[in-house]
């Protein structure tokens, strides 16, 4: 292949392709298998801020557009269009759950999360909640699956509100949503 035929990925080109592909909701990125075109200097920080060439992307519409073509394959993240696939860096989870709504109680409770890019998901068998604890500090990092291998880190204020809704079940303290129990911490490890 000659040097003239090599495609250099750009944020502008990806944005144009994403706009065209997302005319009717989320694009079907799981169905696309374009060639890998290299890595793009784009990063999603732990707080959900998107950076391009080291500068925060300040336009919500552009961040939302890029988030609509995000895919995770294995442990790597990509922006995918029908014609190109570029790698990006994600510090933790690609989304941040900034709020939630709780309806019902006990086993009938439903927890519906909203992310910083406007996605929503109701926790349940298809959208599990999981909590990782830092091995050194014990600090919890809670996540909810939003779509196709893409999780949201649940922000601190929402997590504190969730803990207020927690219950004990089978030796664990955790949360009910959509008839599923999601363990957070063993009951015997909670401070008295």
Protein backbone atom coordinates (compact mmCIF):
# COMPACT_ATOMS: atom_id res chain seq x y z
CA UNK A 1 0.00 0.00 0.00
CA UNK A 2 1.39 3.42 -0.91
CA UNK A 3 1.72 6.25 1.58
CA UNK A 4 -1.12 8.04 -0.25
CA UNK A 5 -3.61 5.33 0.75
CA UNK A 6 -2.90 5.38 4.48
CA UNK A 7 -5.77 6.91 6.42
CA UNK A 8 -4.83 8.98 9.45
CA UNK A 9 -7.65 8.94 11.99
CA UNK A 10 -8.94 12.31 13.09
CA UNK A 11 -11.56 13.44 15.56
CA UNK A 12 -13.21 15.52 12.84
CA UNK A 13 -13.52 12.54 10.48
CA UNK A 14 -14.87 10.33 13.25
CA UNK A 15 -17.40 12.98 14.25
CA UNK A 16 -18.66 13.28 10.67
CA UNK A 17 -19.00 9.50 10.35
CA UNK A 18 -20.71 9.26 13.74
CA UNK A 19 -23.22 11.97 12.81
CA UNK A 20 -24.12 10.12 9.64
CA UNK A 21 -24.44 6.78 11.45
CA UNK A 22 -26.43 8.01 14.45
CA UNK A 23 -29.40 9.59 12.68
CA UNK A 24 -31.78 7.07 14.33
CA UNK A 25 -30.52 6.45 17.85
CA UNK A 26 -27.38 4.61 18.89
CA UNK A 27 -25.40 3.28 15.93
CA UNK A 28 -25.01 -0.52 15.72
CA UNK A 29 -21.26 -0.45 16.49
CA UNK A 30 -21.41 -4.10 17.58
CA UNK A 31 -22.18 -5.07 13.97
CA UNK A 32 -19.38 -3.10 12.36
CA UNK A 33 -15.99 -4.64 11.66
CA UNK A 34 -13.90 -1.94 9.96
CA UNK A 35 -10.11 -2.05 9.76
CA UNK A 36 -8.09 -0.77 12.73
CA UNK A 37 -6.67 2.62 11.75
CA UNK A 38 -4.41 3.24 14.75
CA UNK A 39 -4.71 5.05 18.04
CA UNK A 40 -6.13 8.52 18.45
CA UNK A 41 -4.85 10.91 21.12
CA UNK A 42 -8.19 10.83 22.89
CA UNK A 43 -8.69 9.97 26.56
CA UNK A 44 -11.60 9.64 28.96
CA UNK A 45 -10.56 10.60 32.49
CA UNK A 46 -11.98 8.87 35.58
CA UNK A 47 -14.34 11.81 36.16
CA UNK A 48 -15.83 11.36 32.66
CA UNK A 49 -14.01 14.28 31.01
CA UNK A 50 -13.08 13.58 27.39
CA UNK A 51 -9.75 14.94 26.14
CA UNK A 52 -8.50 15.31 22.56
CA UNK A 53 -4.80 16.10 22.07
CA UNK A 54 -4.57 16.81 25.81
CA UNK A 55 -7.35 19.42 25.80
CA UNK A 56 -10.79 18.83 27.34
CA UNK A 57 -13.60 18.54 24.81
CA UNK A 58 -15.96 21.26 26.00
CA UNK A 59 -18.93 20.66 23.72
CA UNK A 60 -21.42 18.21 25.27
CA UNK A 61 -22.90 17.42 21.85
CA UNK A 62 -19.50 16.28 20.56
CA UNK A 63 -18.80 14.16 23.65
CA UNK A 64 -22.27 12.60 23.34
CA UNK A 65 -21.61 11.89 19.67
CA UNK A 66 -18.28 10.19 20.37
CA UNK A 67 -19.81 8.20 23.23
CA UNK A 68 -22.39 6.81 20.80
CA UNK A 69 -19.68 5.12 18.71
CA UNK A 70 -17.66 3.79 21.65
CA UNK A 71 -17.02 0.06 21.86
CA UNK A 72 -14.97 -2.15 24.16
CA UNK A 73 -13.24 -5.20 22.69
CA UNK A 74 -11.41 -7.23 25.33
CA UNK A 75 -9.70 -4.70 27.59
CA UNK A 76 -9.39 -1.98 24.93
CA UNK A 77 -11.68 0.86 23.92
CA UNK A 78 -12.35 2.02 20.38
CA UNK A 79 -14.35 4.58 18.48
CA UNK A 80 -15.95 2.65 15.63
CA UNK A 81 -17.65 3.77 12.43
CA UNK A 82 -18.59 1.65 9.42
CA UNK A 83 -15.23 2.50 7.81
CA UNK A 84 -12.70 2.92 10.64
CA UNK A 85 -11.81 1.78 14.13
CA UNK A 86 -9.44 3.81 16.32
CA UNK A 87 -8.12 3.12 19.78
CA UNK A 88 -8.60 5.55 22.66
CA UNK A 89 -7.53 5.56 26.31
CA UNK A 90 -10.02 5.17 29.15
CA UNK A 91 -8.64 5.76 32.65
CA UNK A 92 -11.35 3.79 34.48
CA UNK A 93 -14.87 3.44 33.07
CA UNK A 94 -16.00 5.34 29.98
CA UNK A 95 -19.10 6.74 31.66
CA UNK A 96 -20.00 8.25 35.02
CA UNK A 97 -23.42 7.61 36.55
CA UNK A 98 -24.25 11.03 37.94
CA UNK A 99 -27.73 10.28 39.25
CA UNK A 100 -30.32 7.56 39.71
CA UNK A 101 -34.00 7.16 40.42
CA UNK A 102 -35.34 4.49 42.77
CA UNK A 103 -38.87 3.16 42.46
CA UNK A 104 -40.49 0.42 44.53
CA UNK A 105 -39.00 -1.24 47.59
CA UNK A 106 -37.22 -4.45 48.56
CA UNK A 107 -37.02 -7.06 45.79
CA UNK A 108 -39.39 -4.95 43.68
CA UNK A 109 -37.10 -1.92 43.78
CA UNK A 110 -35.76 -0.62 40.47
CA UNK A 111 -32.69 1.59 40.25
CA UNK A 112 -32.42 3.55 36.99
CA UNK A 113 -29.10 5.29 36.44
CA UNK A 114 -28.36 8.29 34.23
CA UNK A 115 -24.86 8.98 32.91
CA UNK A 116 -23.03 12.22 32.24
CA UNK A 117 -23.62 11.72 28.49
CA UNK A 118 -27.37 11.14 28.81
CA UNK A 119 -27.57 7.33 28.68
CA UNK A 120 -29.79 5.52 31.14
CA UNK A 121 -30.04 1.92 32.32
CA UNK A 122 -32.10 0.13 34.94
CA UNK A 123 -29.93 -2.16 37.06
CA UNK A 124 -30.90 -5.81 36.77
CA UNK A 125 -29.67 -9.03 35.15
CA UNK A 126 -28.73 -7.21 31.91
CA UNK A 127 -27.28 -4.18 33.69
CA UNK A 128 -25.50 -5.48 36.80
CA UNK A 129 -24.01 -3.37 39.56
CA UNK A 130 -20.58 -4.38 40.80
CA UNK A 131 -18.27 -2.94 43.43
CA UNK A 132 -14.48 -3.21 43.43
CA UNK A 133 -12.58 -2.41 46.59
CA UNK A 134 -9.10 -0.94 46.56
CA UNK A 135 -6.86 -3.65 48.10
CA UNK A 136 -4.83 -1.06 50.04
CA UNK A 137 -7.48 1.37 51.26
CA UNK A 138 -10.68 -0.69 51.02
CA UNK A 139 -12.25 2.27 49.19
CA UNK A 140 -15.19 1.07 47.05
CA UNK A 141 -15.52 1.80 43.33
CA UNK A 142 -19.10 1.01 42.25
CA UNK A 143 -20.05 0.43 38.61
CA UNK A 144 -23.19 -0.28 36.60
CA UNK A 145 -23.21 -1.78 33.10
CA UNK A 146 -24.78 0.72 30.72
CA UNK A 147 -24.53 -1.05 27.37
CA UNK A 148 -22.48 -3.74 25.58
CA UNK A 149 -19.40 -4.03 27.86
CA UNK A 150 -19.47 -0.32 28.70
CA UNK A 151 -19.74 0.54 32.39
CA UNK A 152 -20.35 3.72 34.32
CA UNK A 153 -18.53 4.54 37.52
CA UNK A 154 -21.25 5.52 40.00
CA UNK A 155 -20.34 8.92 41.41
CA UNK A 156 -19.80 9.37 45.14
CA UNK A 157 -23.01 11.27 45.94
CA UNK A 158 -25.10 8.65 44.15
CA UNK A 159 -23.27 5.82 45.89
CA UNK A 160 -23.97 7.36 49.30
CA UNK A 161 -27.66 7.60 48.37
CA UNK A 162 -27.59 3.97 47.21
CA UNK A 163 -26.11 2.82 50.53
CA UNK A 164 -29.14 4.37 52.24
CA UNK A 165 -31.30 1.99 50.15
CA UNK A 166 -29.16 -1.06 50.92
CA UNK A 167 -30.33 -4.27 52.55
CA UNK A 168 -28.83 -7.41 54.03
CA UNK A 169 -29.29 -10.67 52.11
CA UNK A 170 -27.46 -14.01 52.46
CA UNK A 171 -24.64 -12.52 54.54
CA UNK A 172 -24.12 -9.52 52.28
CA UNK A 173 -25.08 -5.87 52.37
CA UNK A 174 -26.15 -4.74 48.91
CA UNK A 175 -28.85 -3.47 46.62
CA UNK A 176 -31.97 -4.88 45.06
CA UNK A 177 -32.98 -3.86 41.56
CA UNK A 178 -35.29 -5.58 39.09
CA UNK A 179 -35.50 -8.66 41.34
CA UNK A 180 -31.71 -9.12 41.47
CA UNK A 181 -29.52 -8.62 44.54
CA UNK A 182 -26.16 -6.93 43.97
CA UNK A 183 -23.70 -7.47 46.86
CA UNK A 184 -21.56 -4.54 47.98
CA UNK A 185 -19.78 -5.75 51.12
CA UNK A 186 -20.04 -8.76 53.42
CA UNK A 187 -22.42 -7.86 56.25
CA UNK A 188 -19.87 -8.82 58.91
CA UNK A 189 -17.38 -6.28 57.49
CA UNK A 190 -19.71 -3.33 58.07
CA UNK A 191 -18.83 -1.14 61.03
CA UNK A 192 -21.22 -1.54 63.95
